Amino acid sequence: MSHTSRDRTIAFAGVFQAADLVNQIAVEGKVEPIAFNTSINSLFQTNPATTDEVFGGVAGIERGLQCLIKQLGANHQGRDINITRYVISLLHLERKLSRQHQMLDKIATGIEKAQAQSVHFSTTHSNVIANLAGLYQETVSSLTPRIVVSGAQGHLTVTENAEQVRALLLAGIRAAILWRQCGGKRWKLLFSRNEMRAEVNRLLGEIRNK
């Protein structure tokens, strides 16, 4: 896996996309289907040749790129504190998870089973999502601090929504792993905001020009 700024930005946008979709479910009680499919499908890309391939091309993380540019912007009005909180938590939990080898093995096995199931149904079929949600609960959810999702309880108590949230958090962890594999480091985020903002704009330009 290459370690370019482009690769790190794509992976980081994957984290933001998962966090943004979690927030959408919590606040609106629904999820944007194309971005949701991309994030969930990224879990099944276990041997990608490129970072783009994890998300089916750069267009697959357009929502994440749009969210990232808002969070990086100088205008505080465009930022969402909950999305920022979810991203920080996902990066923190990924680091903890990287030291839990048995848990990583369990996640890999669980994803293989869910992938096999998706062949018979679809990537975002309720049975597949339920299995991924259960896998998150049995593994990452046991690490601390747990991610507390803020939103309308009327949305969060719906079983389908809760399962989609957990599956997306697992996808967020996967993107965080990818970001670290591409050379991403949390302390560097403090000093590379301008570089990342420029890279996001380049990637959005790629999408618009296709």
N, C-alpha and C. Protein backbone atom coordinates (compact mmCIF):
# COMPACT_ATOMS: atom_id res chain seq x y z
N MET A 1 0.85 -1.19 0.00
CA MET A 1 0.00 0.00 0.00
C MET A 1 0.89 1.24 0.00
N SER A 2 0.64 2.16 -0.97
CA SER A 2 1.47 3.36 -1.06
C SER A 2 1.15 4.34 0.07
N HIS A 3 2.11 5.21 0.34
CA HIS A 3 2.02 6.12 1.48
C HIS A 3 1.96 7.58 1.02
N THR A 4 1.24 7.87 -0.04
CA THR A 4 1.17 9.24 -0.53
C THR A 4 0.11 10.02 0.23
N SER A 5 0.20 11.33 0.12
CA SER A 5 -0.81 12.20 0.74
C SER A 5 -2.19 11.89 0.18
N ARG A 6 -2.24 11.57 -1.10
CA ARG A 6 -3.52 11.21 -1.74
C ARG A 6 -4.13 9.98 -1.08
N ASP A 7 -3.31 8.96 -0.86
CA ASP A 7 -3.80 7.72 -0.24
C ASP A 7 -4.30 7.98 1.18
N ARG A 8 -3.54 8.75 1.93
CA ARG A 8 -3.95 9.05 3.31
C ARG A 8 -5.26 9.84 3.34
N THR A 9 -5.41 10.74 2.40
CA THR A 9 -6.63 11.55 2.36
C THR A 9 -7.84 10.71 1.99
N ILE A 10 -7.68 9.80 1.05
CA ILE A 10 -8.77 8.90 0.67
C ILE A 10 -9.19 8.05 1.86
N ALA A 11 -8.21 7.47 2.55
CA ALA A 11 -8.51 6.64 3.72
C ALA A 11 -9.17 7.46 4.82
N PHE A 12 -8.67 8.67 5.05
CA PHE A 12 -9.22 9.53 6.10
C PHE A 12 -10.65 9.94 5.76
N ALA A 13 -10.90 10.19 4.48
CA ALA A 13 -12.27 10.49 4.04
C ALA A 13 -13.18 9.30 4.28
N GLY A 14 -12.63 8.09 4.20
CA GLY A 14 -13.41 6.89 4.51
C GLY A 14 -13.86 6.87 5.96
N VAL A 15 -12.98 7.33 6.86
CA VAL A 15 -13.34 7.43 8.28
C VAL A 15 -14.46 8.46 8.45
N PHE A 16 -14.30 9.60 7.80
CA PHE A 16 -15.30 10.67 7.91
C PHE A 16 -16.64 10.25 7.30
N GLN A 17 -16.59 9.50 6.21
CA GLN A 17 -17.84 9.07 5.59
C GLN A 17 -18.63 8.17 6.54
N ALA A 18 -17.95 7.23 7.16
CA ALA A 18 -18.61 6.34 8.12
C ALA A 18 -19.19 7.15 9.27
N ALA A 19 -18.42 8.10 9.79
CA ALA A 19 -18.87 8.93 10.92
C ALA A 19 -20.06 9.80 10.52
N ASP A 20 -20.01 10.35 9.31
CA ASP A 20 -21.09 11.20 8.82
C ASP A 20 -22.37 10.41 8.65
N LEU A 21 -22.27 9.18 8.16
CA LEU A 21 -23.45 8.34 7.97
C LEU A 21 -24.03 7.91 9.31
N VAL A 22 -23.18 7.64 10.28
CA VAL A 22 -23.65 7.35 11.64
C VAL A 22 -24.46 8.53 12.16
N ASN A 23 -23.92 9.72 11.95
CA ASN A 23 -24.61 10.93 12.41
C ASN A 23 -25.94 11.12 11.68
N GLN A 24 -25.96 10.81 10.39
CA GLN A 24 -27.21 10.95 9.63
C GLN A 24 -28.29 10.03 10.18
N ILE A 25 -27.94 8.79 10.47
CA ILE A 25 -28.90 7.85 11.04
C ILE A 25 -29.41 8.35 12.38
N ALA A 26 -28.48 8.82 13.22
CA ALA A 26 -28.84 9.26 14.57
C ALA A 26 -29.74 10.48 14.56
N VAL A 27 -29.52 11.37 13.60
CA VAL A 27 -30.26 12.64 13.56
C VAL A 27 -31.52 12.55 12.70
N GLU A 28 -31.41 11.86 11.54
CA GLU A 28 -32.51 11.84 10.58
C GLU A 28 -33.27 10.51 10.54
N GLY A 29 -32.67 9.46 11.08
CA GLY A 29 -33.33 8.16 11.04
C GLY A 29 -33.28 7.48 9.69
N LYS A 30 -32.35 7.91 8.84
CA LYS A 30 -32.19 7.30 7.51
C LYS A 30 -30.72 7.39 7.12
N VAL A 31 -30.38 6.66 6.05
CA VAL A 31 -28.98 6.66 5.60
C VAL A 31 -28.95 6.76 4.08
N GLU A 32 -27.99 7.52 3.56
CA GLU A 32 -27.83 7.67 2.11
C GLU A 32 -27.33 6.34 1.55
N PRO A 33 -28.10 5.69 0.67
CA PRO A 33 -27.81 4.29 0.30
C PRO A 33 -26.51 4.05 -0.45
N ILE A 34 -26.13 4.95 -1.36
CA ILE A 34 -24.92 4.70 -2.16
C ILE A 34 -23.67 4.78 -1.29
N ALA A 35 -23.58 5.83 -0.48
CA ALA A 35 -22.42 5.98 0.41
C ALA A 35 -22.40 4.85 1.44
N PHE A 36 -23.58 4.46 1.92
CA PHE A 36 -23.68 3.36 2.89
C PHE A 36 -23.15 2.07 2.27
N ASN A 37 -23.55 1.78 1.04
CA ASN A 37 -23.09 0.58 0.35
C ASN A 37 -21.57 0.60 0.20
N THR A 38 -21.01 1.76 -0.16
CA THR A 38 -19.56 1.88 -0.33
C THR A 38 -18.82 1.61 0.97
N SER A 39 -19.31 2.21 2.06
CA SER A 39 -18.64 2.04 3.36
C SER A 39 -18.70 0.59 3.83
N ILE A 40 -19.86 -0.03 3.69
CA ILE A 40 -20.00 -1.43 4.12
C ILE A 40 -19.16 -2.33 3.23
N ASN A 41 -19.20 -2.10 1.92
CA ASN A 41 -18.44 -2.93 0.99
C ASN A 41 -16.94 -2.83 1.22
N SER A 42 -16.48 -1.70 1.78
CA SER A 42 -15.04 -1.54 2.05
C SER A 42 -14.53 -2.59 3.03
N LEU A 43 -15.43 -3.09 3.88
CA LEU A 43 -15.04 -4.13 4.84
C LEU A 43 -14.63 -5.42 4.14
N PHE A 44 -15.15 -5.63 2.94
CA PHE A 44 -14.90 -6.88 2.23
C PHE A 44 -13.72 -6.79 1.26
N GLN A 45 -13.06 -5.62 1.21
CA GLN A 45 -11.88 -5.45 0.35
C GLN A 45 -10.64 -5.77 1.17
N THR A 46 -10.33 -7.05 1.24
CA THR A 46 -9.26 -7.50 2.14
C THR A 46 -7.88 -7.53 1.49
N ASN A 47 -7.83 -7.44 0.16
CA ASN A 47 -6.52 -7.47 -0.51
C ASN A 47 -6.50 -6.48 -1.68
N PRO A 48 -6.72 -5.19 -1.39
CA PRO A 48 -6.80 -4.20 -2.47
C PRO A 48 -5.43 -3.87 -3.05
N ALA A 49 -5.42 -3.59 -4.36
CA ALA A 49 -4.17 -3.19 -5.01
C ALA A 49 -3.86 -1.72 -4.74
N THR A 50 -4.91 -0.92 -4.58
CA THR A 50 -4.73 0.51 -4.33
C THR A 50 -5.71 0.96 -3.24
N THR A 51 -5.46 2.14 -2.70
CA THR A 51 -6.37 2.70 -1.70
C THR A 51 -7.74 3.00 -2.32
N ASP A 52 -7.73 3.52 -3.55
CA ASP A 52 -9.00 3.82 -4.25
C ASP A 52 -9.89 2.59 -4.32
N GLU A 53 -9.26 1.44 -4.56
CA GLU A 53 -10.00 0.19 -4.78
C GLU A 53 -10.85 -0.20 -3.57
N VAL A 54 -10.41 0.17 -2.38
CA VAL A 54 -11.16 -0.16 -1.16
C VAL A 54 -12.56 0.42 -1.23
N PHE A 55 -12.69 1.60 -1.87
CA PHE A 55 -13.97 2.30 -1.91
C PHE A 55 -14.59 2.29 -3.31
N GLY A 56 -14.09 1.41 -4.17
CA GLY A 56 -14.65 1.32 -5.52
C GLY A 56 -14.35 2.54 -6.37
N GLY A 57 -13.25 3.21 -6.08
CA GLY A 57 -12.89 4.44 -6.78
C GLY A 57 -13.11 5.66 -5.90
N VAL A 58 -12.52 6.78 -6.29
CA VAL A 58 -12.60 7.99 -5.48
C VAL A 58 -14.04 8.46 -5.31
N ALA A 59 -14.87 8.27 -6.34
CA ALA A 59 -16.26 8.71 -6.26
C ALA A 59 -17.01 8.05 -5.11
N GLY A 60 -16.54 6.89 -4.69
CA GLY A 60 -17.20 6.17 -3.60
C GLY A 60 -17.13 6.89 -2.27
N ILE A 61 -16.13 7.76 -2.10
CA ILE A 61 -16.03 8.48 -0.83
C ILE A 61 -16.25 9.98 -1.03
N GLU A 62 -17.05 10.33 -2.03
CA GLU A 62 -17.35 11.75 -2.25
C GLU A 62 -18.01 12.37 -1.03
N ARG A 63 -18.95 11.65 -0.42
CA ARG A 63 -19.61 12.18 0.78
C ARG A 63 -18.58 12.41 1.89
N GLY A 64 -17.66 11.48 2.05
CA GLY A 64 -16.62 11.63 3.07
C GLY A 64 -15.71 12.81 2.79
N LEU A 65 -15.39 13.02 1.52
CA LEU A 65 -14.55 14.16 1.14
C LEU A 65 -15.27 15.48 1.42
N GLN A 66 -16.56 15.53 1.08
CA GLN A 66 -17.34 16.75 1.34
C GLN A 66 -17.42 17.03 2.83
N CYS A 67 -17.61 15.98 3.61
CA CYS A 67 -17.66 16.13 5.07
C CYS A 67 -16.31 16.59 5.61
N LEU A 68 -15.24 16.00 5.10
CA LEU A 68 -13.89 16.34 5.56
C LEU A 68 -13.56 17.80 5.27
N ILE A 69 -13.93 18.29 4.09
CA ILE A 69 -13.61 19.68 3.75
C ILE A 69 -14.36 20.65 4.65
N LYS A 70 -15.58 20.27 5.05
CA LYS A 70 -16.34 21.11 5.99
C LYS A 70 -15.66 21.14 7.36
N GLN A 71 -15.21 19.97 7.80
CA GLN A 71 -14.59 19.89 9.12
C GLN A 71 -13.23 20.60 9.16
N LEU A 72 -12.57 20.67 8.00
CA LEU A 72 -11.26 21.33 7.92
C LEU A 72 -11.39 22.82 7.67
N GLY A 73 -12.58 23.27 7.30
CA GLY A 73 -12.78 24.66 6.91
C GLY A 73 -12.59 25.64 8.05
N ALA A 74 -12.27 26.86 7.67
CA ALA A 74 -12.09 27.93 8.67
C ALA A 74 -13.42 28.37 9.26
N ASN A 75 -14.51 28.08 8.52
CA ASN A 75 -15.84 28.48 8.97
C ASN A 75 -16.38 27.44 9.95
N HIS A 76 -16.46 27.79 11.22
CA HIS A 76 -16.90 26.85 12.25
C HIS A 76 -18.36 26.44 12.07
N GLN A 77 -19.14 27.24 11.34
CA GLN A 77 -20.56 26.93 11.15
C GLN A 77 -20.76 25.63 10.38
N GLY A 78 -19.80 25.27 9.54
CA GLY A 78 -19.95 24.07 8.74
C GLY A 78 -19.55 22.80 9.46
N ARG A 79 -18.98 22.93 10.65
CA ARG A 79 -18.47 21.76 11.37
C ARG A 79 -19.56 21.12 12.23
N ASP A 80 -19.41 19.85 12.45
CA ASP A 80 -20.33 19.11 13.33
C ASP A 80 -19.49 18.45 14.42
N ILE A 81 -19.71 18.85 15.66
CA ILE A 81 -18.88 18.36 16.76
C ILE A 81 -19.03 16.86 16.97
N ASN A 82 -20.22 16.32 16.69
CA ASN A 82 -20.41 14.88 16.88
C ASN A 82 -19.60 14.07 15.87
N ILE A 83 -19.57 14.54 14.62
CA ILE A 83 -18.77 13.83 13.61
C ILE A 83 -17.30 13.86 14.00
N THR A 84 -16.81 15.01 14.44
CA THR A 84 -15.43 15.12 14.91
C THR A 84 -15.17 14.15 16.05
N ARG A 85 -16.11 14.08 16.97
CA ARG A 85 -15.96 13.20 18.14
C ARG A 85 -15.91 11.73 17.70
N TYR A 86 -16.76 11.35 16.76
CA TYR A 86 -16.76 9.96 16.29
C TYR A 86 -15.43 9.62 15.62
N VAL A 87 -14.93 10.54 14.80
CA VAL A 87 -13.66 10.29 14.09
C VAL A 87 -12.51 10.13 15.08
N ILE A 88 -12.43 11.03 16.05
CA ILE A 88 -11.37 10.94 17.06
C ILE A 88 -11.45 9.61 17.81
N SER A 89 -12.67 9.20 18.15
CA SER A 89 -12.86 7.94 18.87
C SER A 89 -12.48 6.75 18.01
N LEU A 90 -12.82 6.78 16.73
CA LEU A 90 -12.47 5.68 15.83
C LEU A 90 -10.96 5.54 15.69
N LEU A 91 -10.26 6.65 15.57
CA LEU A 91 -8.79 6.60 15.47
C LEU A 91 -8.18 6.06 16.76
N HIS A 92 -8.75 6.46 17.89
CA HIS A 92 -8.24 6.00 19.19
C HIS A 92 -8.49 4.50 19.37
N LEU A 93 -9.70 4.05 19.02
CA LEU A 93 -10.03 2.63 19.18
C LEU A 93 -9.23 1.76 18.22
N GLU A 94 -8.96 2.29 17.03
CA GLU A 94 -8.15 1.52 16.07
C GLU A 94 -6.77 1.25 16.63
N ARG A 95 -6.18 2.22 17.32
CA ARG A 95 -4.87 2.02 17.92
C ARG A 95 -4.92 0.95 19.00
N LYS A 96 -5.97 0.98 19.80
CA LYS A 96 -6.13 -0.05 20.84
C LYS A 96 -6.33 -1.42 20.20
N LEU A 97 -7.16 -1.45 19.16
CA LEU A 97 -7.45 -2.71 18.48
C LEU A 97 -6.19 -3.32 17.86
N SER A 98 -5.28 -2.48 17.38
CA SER A 98 -4.07 -2.97 16.72
C SER A 98 -3.20 -3.82 17.64
N ARG A 99 -3.42 -3.69 18.95
CA ARG A 99 -2.65 -4.48 19.92
C ARG A 99 -3.41 -5.72 20.40
N GLN A 100 -4.64 -5.88 19.92
CA GLN A 100 -5.49 -7.00 20.33
C GLN A 100 -5.53 -8.04 19.21
N HIS A 101 -4.52 -8.88 19.14
CA HIS A 101 -4.38 -9.78 17.99
C HIS A 101 -5.50 -10.82 17.90
N GLN A 102 -5.92 -11.34 19.03
CA GLN A 102 -7.02 -12.30 19.00
C GLN A 102 -8.31 -11.65 18.52
N MET A 103 -8.53 -10.43 18.95
CA MET A 103 -9.72 -9.71 18.51
C MET A 103 -9.67 -9.42 17.02
N LEU A 104 -8.50 -9.06 16.51
CA LEU A 104 -8.34 -8.83 15.08
C LEU A 104 -8.64 -10.09 14.28
N ASP A 105 -8.17 -11.23 14.79
CA ASP A 105 -8.45 -12.51 14.12
C ASP A 105 -9.95 -12.79 14.11
N LYS A 106 -10.61 -12.50 15.21
CA LYS A 106 -12.06 -12.73 15.30
C LYS A 106 -12.81 -11.83 14.32
N ILE A 107 -12.36 -10.59 14.20
CA ILE A 107 -12.98 -9.67 13.25
C ILE A 107 -12.78 -10.15 11.82
N ALA A 108 -11.57 -10.59 11.50
CA ALA A 108 -11.28 -11.08 10.15
C ALA A 108 -12.16 -12.27 9.80
N THR A 109 -12.31 -13.19 10.75
CA THR A 109 -13.16 -14.37 10.52
C THR A 109 -14.62 -13.96 10.35
N GLY A 110 -15.07 -13.04 11.19
CA GLY A 110 -16.45 -12.57 11.10
C GLY A 110 -16.75 -11.86 9.80
N ILE A 111 -15.79 -11.08 9.31
CA ILE A 111 -15.97 -10.38 8.04
C ILE A 111 -16.02 -11.38 6.89
N GLU A 112 -15.20 -12.42 6.95
CA GLU A 112 -15.23 -13.46 5.92
C GLU A 112 -16.60 -14.11 5.85
N LYS A 113 -17.19 -14.38 7.00
CA LYS A 113 -18.52 -14.99 7.05
C LYS A 113 -19.58 -14.05 6.48
N ALA A 114 -19.48 -12.78 6.85
CA ALA A 114 -20.44 -11.79 6.35
C ALA A 114 -20.29 -11.61 4.84
N GLN A 115 -19.06 -11.66 4.35
CA GLN A 115 -18.82 -11.53 2.92
C GLN A 115 -19.43 -12.70 2.16
N ALA A 116 -19.27 -13.91 2.70
CA ALA A 116 -19.87 -15.09 2.07
C ALA A 116 -21.38 -14.96 2.05
N GLN A 117 -21.94 -14.43 3.12
CA GLN A 117 -23.38 -14.22 3.20
C GLN A 117 -23.85 -13.19 2.18
N SER A 118 -23.03 -12.15 1.96
CA SER A 118 -23.42 -11.08 1.04
C SER A 118 -23.52 -11.58 -0.40
N VAL A 119 -22.83 -12.66 -0.72
CA VAL A 119 -22.90 -13.24 -2.06
C VAL A 119 -24.31 -13.74 -2.34
N HIS A 120 -24.96 -14.28 -1.32
CA HIS A 120 -26.31 -14.84 -1.47
C HIS A 120 -27.39 -13.78 -1.34
N PHE A 121 -27.10 -12.71 -0.65
CA PHE A 121 -28.08 -11.64 -0.46
C PHE A 121 -27.57 -10.39 -1.20
N SER A 122 -27.07 -9.43 -0.47
CA SER A 122 -26.43 -8.24 -1.03
C SER A 122 -25.57 -7.63 0.07
N THR A 123 -24.70 -6.71 -0.30
CA THR A 123 -23.78 -6.12 0.67
C THR A 123 -24.50 -5.49 1.85
N THR A 124 -25.62 -4.83 1.57
CA THR A 124 -26.33 -4.10 2.63
C THR A 124 -27.64 -4.78 3.04
N HIS A 125 -27.77 -6.06 2.74
CA HIS A 125 -28.96 -6.80 3.19
C HIS A 125 -29.02 -6.79 4.71
N SER A 126 -30.21 -6.77 5.26
CA SER A 126 -30.37 -6.67 6.71
C SER A 126 -29.66 -7.79 7.46
N ASN A 127 -29.61 -8.99 6.89
CA ASN A 127 -28.93 -10.10 7.55
C ASN A 127 -27.42 -9.87 7.63
N VAL A 128 -26.86 -9.33 6.55
CA VAL A 128 -25.42 -9.03 6.52
C VAL A 128 -25.10 -7.93 7.52
N ILE A 129 -25.91 -6.88 7.52
CA ILE A 129 -25.70 -5.76 8.44
C ILE A 129 -25.83 -6.22 9.88
N ALA A 130 -26.80 -7.08 10.15
CA ALA A 130 -26.99 -7.60 11.52
C ALA A 130 -25.76 -8.38 11.97
N ASN A 131 -25.17 -9.16 11.07
CA ASN A 131 -23.97 -9.92 11.43
C ASN A 131 -22.78 -9.01 11.69
N LEU A 132 -22.62 -7.99 10.86
CA LEU A 132 -21.52 -7.04 11.07
C LEU A 132 -21.71 -6.25 12.36
N ALA A 133 -22.97 -5.89 12.64
CA ALA A 133 -23.27 -5.17 13.88
C ALA A 133 -22.96 -6.04 15.09
N GLY A 134 -23.33 -7.32 15.00
CA GLY A 134 -23.03 -8.25 16.09
C GLY A 134 -21.54 -8.43 16.28
N LEU A 135 -20.81 -8.46 15.18
CA LEU A 135 -19.35 -8.59 15.24
C LEU A 135 -18.73 -7.38 15.94
N TYR A 136 -19.25 -6.19 15.63
CA TYR A 136 -18.76 -4.98 16.29
C TYR A 136 -19.03 -5.04 17.80
N GLN A 137 -20.23 -5.47 18.15
CA GLN A 137 -20.59 -5.56 19.57
C GLN A 137 -19.70 -6.53 20.33
N GLU A 138 -19.36 -7.64 19.68
CA GLU A 138 -18.56 -8.68 20.34
C GLU A 138 -17.08 -8.33 20.42
N THR A 139 -16.65 -7.35 19.66
CA THR A 139 -15.22 -7.05 19.59
C THR A 139 -14.91 -5.60 19.97
N VAL A 140 -15.01 -4.70 19.02
CA VAL A 140 -14.61 -3.30 19.24
C VAL A 140 -15.39 -2.66 20.39
N SER A 141 -16.66 -3.03 20.52
CA SER A 141 -17.50 -2.42 21.55
C SER A 141 -17.01 -2.71 22.96
N SER A 142 -16.17 -3.73 23.11
CA SER A 142 -15.65 -4.07 24.44
C SER A 142 -14.45 -3.19 24.82
N LEU A 143 -13.91 -2.45 23.85
CA LEU A 143 -12.79 -1.56 24.12
C LEU A 143 -13.29 -0.23 24.69
N THR A 144 -12.44 0.42 25.46
CA THR A 144 -12.84 1.70 26.04
C THR A 144 -11.94 2.83 25.54
N PRO A 145 -12.48 4.05 25.49
CA PRO A 145 -13.87 4.40 25.79
C PRO A 145 -14.79 4.02 24.63
N ARG A 146 -15.99 3.56 24.97
CA ARG A 146 -16.95 3.18 23.94
C ARG A 146 -17.48 4.43 23.24
N ILE A 147 -17.82 4.28 21.99
CA ILE A 147 -18.39 5.40 21.24
C ILE A 147 -19.86 5.55 21.60
N VAL A 148 -20.21 6.71 22.10
CA VAL A 148 -21.60 7.01 22.44
C VAL A 148 -22.17 7.87 21.32
N VAL A 149 -23.17 7.35 20.63
CA VAL A 149 -23.77 8.06 19.50
C VAL A 149 -24.88 8.98 20.01
N SER A 150 -24.80 10.24 19.60
CA SER A 150 -25.79 11.24 20.02
C SER A 150 -26.80 11.47 18.90
N GLY A 151 -28.07 11.56 19.28
CA GLY A 151 -29.11 11.80 18.28
C GLY A 151 -30.48 11.63 18.89
N ALA A 152 -31.46 11.44 18.04
CA ALA A 152 -32.84 11.25 18.50
C ALA A 152 -33.03 9.81 18.96
N GLN A 153 -33.42 9.63 20.20
CA GLN A 153 -33.60 8.27 20.73
C GLN A 153 -34.63 7.49 19.93
N GLY A 154 -35.60 8.20 19.37
CA GLY A 154 -36.60 7.54 18.54
C GLY A 154 -36.00 6.87 17.33
N HIS A 155 -34.88 7.40 16.84
CA HIS A 155 -34.17 6.79 15.72
C HIS A 155 -33.21 5.70 16.20
N LEU A 156 -32.51 5.99 17.28
CA LEU A 156 -31.45 5.08 17.74
C LEU A 156 -31.98 3.80 18.36
N THR A 157 -33.24 3.82 18.80
CA THR A 157 -33.82 2.61 19.41
C THR A 157 -34.44 1.68 18.37
N VAL A 158 -34.50 2.10 17.12
CA VAL A 158 -34.97 1.23 16.04
C VAL A 158 -33.86 0.22 15.73
N THR A 159 -34.18 -1.06 15.79
CA THR A 159 -33.17 -2.11 15.63
C THR A 159 -32.37 -1.96 14.34
N GLU A 160 -33.05 -1.73 13.23
CA GLU A 160 -32.36 -1.61 11.95
C GLU A 160 -31.36 -0.46 11.98
N ASN A 161 -31.76 0.67 12.55
CA ASN A 161 -30.86 1.82 12.64
C ASN A 161 -29.65 1.53 13.52
N ALA A 162 -29.91 0.90 14.67
CA ALA A 162 -28.82 0.58 15.60
C ALA A 162 -27.81 -0.37 14.95
N GLU A 163 -28.31 -1.32 14.17
CA GLU A 163 -27.42 -2.27 13.50
C GLU A 163 -26.62 -1.58 12.40
N GLN A 164 -27.26 -0.67 11.67
CA GLN A 164 -26.53 0.08 10.64
C GLN A 164 -25.43 0.94 11.25
N VAL A 165 -25.73 1.55 12.40
CA VAL A 165 -24.73 2.37 13.09
C VAL A 165 -23.52 1.52 13.48
N ARG A 166 -23.76 0.36 14.07
CA ARG A 166 -22.64 -0.50 14.49
C ARG A 166 -21.82 -0.99 13.30
N ALA A 167 -22.51 -1.36 12.22
CA ALA A 167 -21.80 -1.82 11.02
C ALA A 167 -20.95 -0.68 10.44
N LEU A 168 -21.47 0.53 10.48
CA LEU A 168 -20.71 1.68 9.98
C LEU A 168 -19.52 2.00 10.87
N LEU A 169 -19.67 1.84 12.17
CA LEU A 169 -18.53 2.06 13.06
C LEU A 169 -17.42 1.05 12.77
N LEU A 170 -17.81 -0.18 12.43
CA LEU A 170 -16.82 -1.19 12.04
C LEU A 170 -16.13 -0.76 10.74
N ALA A 171 -16.91 -0.21 9.81
CA ALA A 171 -16.33 0.29 8.56
C ALA A 171 -15.40 1.48 8.83
N GLY A 172 -15.76 2.29 9.82
CA GLY A 172 -14.90 3.41 10.20
C GLY A 172 -13.57 2.94 10.77
N ILE A 173 -13.62 1.87 11.55
CA ILE A 173 -12.39 1.27 12.08
C ILE A 173 -11.53 0.74 10.93
N ARG A 174 -12.18 0.10 9.95
CA ARG A 174 -11.45 -0.43 8.81
C ARG A 174 -10.73 0.71 8.05
N ALA A 175 -11.43 1.83 7.86
CA ALA A 175 -10.83 2.98 7.18
C ALA A 175 -9.69 3.57 8.01
N ALA A 176 -9.83 3.56 9.33
CA ALA A 176 -8.77 4.06 10.21
C ALA A 176 -7.53 3.17 10.12
N ILE A 177 -7.74 1.86 10.01
CA ILE A 177 -6.62 0.93 9.82
C ILE A 177 -5.91 1.25 8.50
N LEU A 178 -6.71 1.46 7.45
CA LEU A 178 -6.16 1.79 6.14
C LEU A 178 -5.35 3.09 6.20
N TRP A 179 -5.90 4.08 6.89
CA TRP A 179 -5.21 5.37 7.03
C TRP A 179 -3.85 5.19 7.70
N ARG A 180 -3.80 4.39 8.74
CA ARG A 180 -2.53 4.14 9.43
C ARG A 180 -1.57 3.36 8.53
N GLN A 181 -2.10 2.39 7.76
CA GLN A 181 -1.26 1.62 6.83
C GLN A 181 -0.65 2.53 5.76
N CYS A 182 -1.34 3.62 5.45
CA CYS A 182 -0.85 4.57 4.45
C CYS A 182 0.07 5.63 5.05
N GLY A 183 0.41 5.44 6.32
CA GLY A 183 1.34 6.37 6.97
C GLY A 183 0.69 7.45 7.79
N GLY A 184 -0.62 7.34 8.02
CA GLY A 184 -1.32 8.34 8.81
C GLY A 184 -0.94 8.29 10.28
N LYS A 185 -0.72 9.45 10.86
CA LYS A 185 -0.41 9.56 12.29
C LYS A 185 -1.22 10.70 12.87
N ARG A 186 -1.78 10.47 14.07
CA ARG A 186 -2.67 11.47 14.65
C ARG A 186 -1.97 12.81 14.89
N TRP A 187 -0.73 12.78 15.37
CA TRP A 187 -0.05 14.04 15.68
C TRP A 187 0.21 14.86 14.42
N LYS A 188 0.35 14.18 13.27
CA LYS A 188 0.61 14.90 12.02
C LYS A 188 -0.61 15.68 11.55
N LEU A 189 -1.80 15.26 12.02
CA LEU A 189 -3.02 15.96 11.61
C LEU A 189 -2.99 17.43 12.01
N LEU A 190 -2.31 17.71 13.11
CA LEU A 190 -2.24 19.08 13.61
C LEU A 190 -1.45 20.00 12.67
N PHE A 191 -0.54 19.39 11.89
CA PHE A 191 0.36 20.20 11.07
C PHE A 191 0.12 20.03 9.57
N SER A 192 -0.86 19.23 9.19
CA SER A 192 -1.04 18.95 7.76
C SER A 192 -2.43 19.33 7.25
N ARG A 193 -3.12 20.22 7.96
CA ARG A 193 -4.48 20.59 7.58
C ARG A 193 -4.53 21.23 6.19
N ASN A 194 -3.60 22.14 5.91
CA ASN A 194 -3.60 22.81 4.61
C ASN A 194 -3.30 21.83 3.48
N GLU A 195 -2.35 20.93 3.73
CA GLU A 195 -2.01 19.92 2.73
C GLU A 195 -3.21 19.02 2.45
N MET A 196 -3.89 18.61 3.52
CA MET A 196 -5.04 17.73 3.35
C MET A 196 -6.19 18.45 2.65
N ARG A 197 -6.41 19.71 3.01
CA ARG A 197 -7.48 20.49 2.37
C ARG A 197 -7.24 20.58 0.86
N ALA A 198 -5.98 20.82 0.48
CA ALA A 198 -5.64 20.90 -0.95
C ALA A 198 -5.85 19.56 -1.64
N GLU A 199 -5.51 18.48 -0.94
CA GLU A 199 -5.67 17.14 -1.52
C GLU A 199 -7.15 16.80 -1.68
N VAL A 200 -7.96 17.17 -0.70
CA VAL A 200 -9.41 16.93 -0.79
C VAL A 200 -9.98 17.66 -2.01
N ASN A 201 -9.58 18.91 -2.20
CA ASN A 201 -10.07 19.68 -3.34
C ASN A 201 -9.63 19.06 -4.67
N ARG A 202 -8.41 18.51 -4.71
CA ARG A 202 -7.94 17.83 -5.92
C ARG A 202 -8.79 16.59 -6.21
N LEU A 203 -9.09 15.83 -5.16
CA LEU A 203 -9.88 14.61 -5.32
C LEU A 203 -11.31 14.93 -5.74
N LEU A 204 -11.89 15.97 -5.16
CA LEU A 204 -13.24 16.39 -5.56
C LEU A 204 -13.23 16.86 -7.01
N GLY A 205 -12.13 17.49 -7.43
CA GLY A 205 -11.98 17.89 -8.82
C GLY A 205 -11.94 16.69 -9.75
N GLU A 206 -11.25 15.63 -9.33
CA GLU A 206 -11.21 14.39 -10.11
C GLU A 206 -12.61 13.85 -10.34
N ILE A 207 -13.41 13.86 -9.28
CA ILE A 207 -14.78 13.34 -9.36
C ILE A 207 -15.62 14.18 -10.31
N ARG A 208 -15.51 15.50 -10.19
CA ARG A 208 -16.31 16.40 -11.04
C ARG A 208 -15.93 16.28 -12.51
N ASN A 209 -14.66 16.00 -12.78
CA ASN A 209 -14.19 15.98 -14.16
C ASN A 209 -14.39 14.65 -14.87
N LYS A 210 -14.91 13.67 -14.15
CA LYS A 210 -15.12 12.35 -14.79
C LYS A 210 -16.47 12.32 -15.51
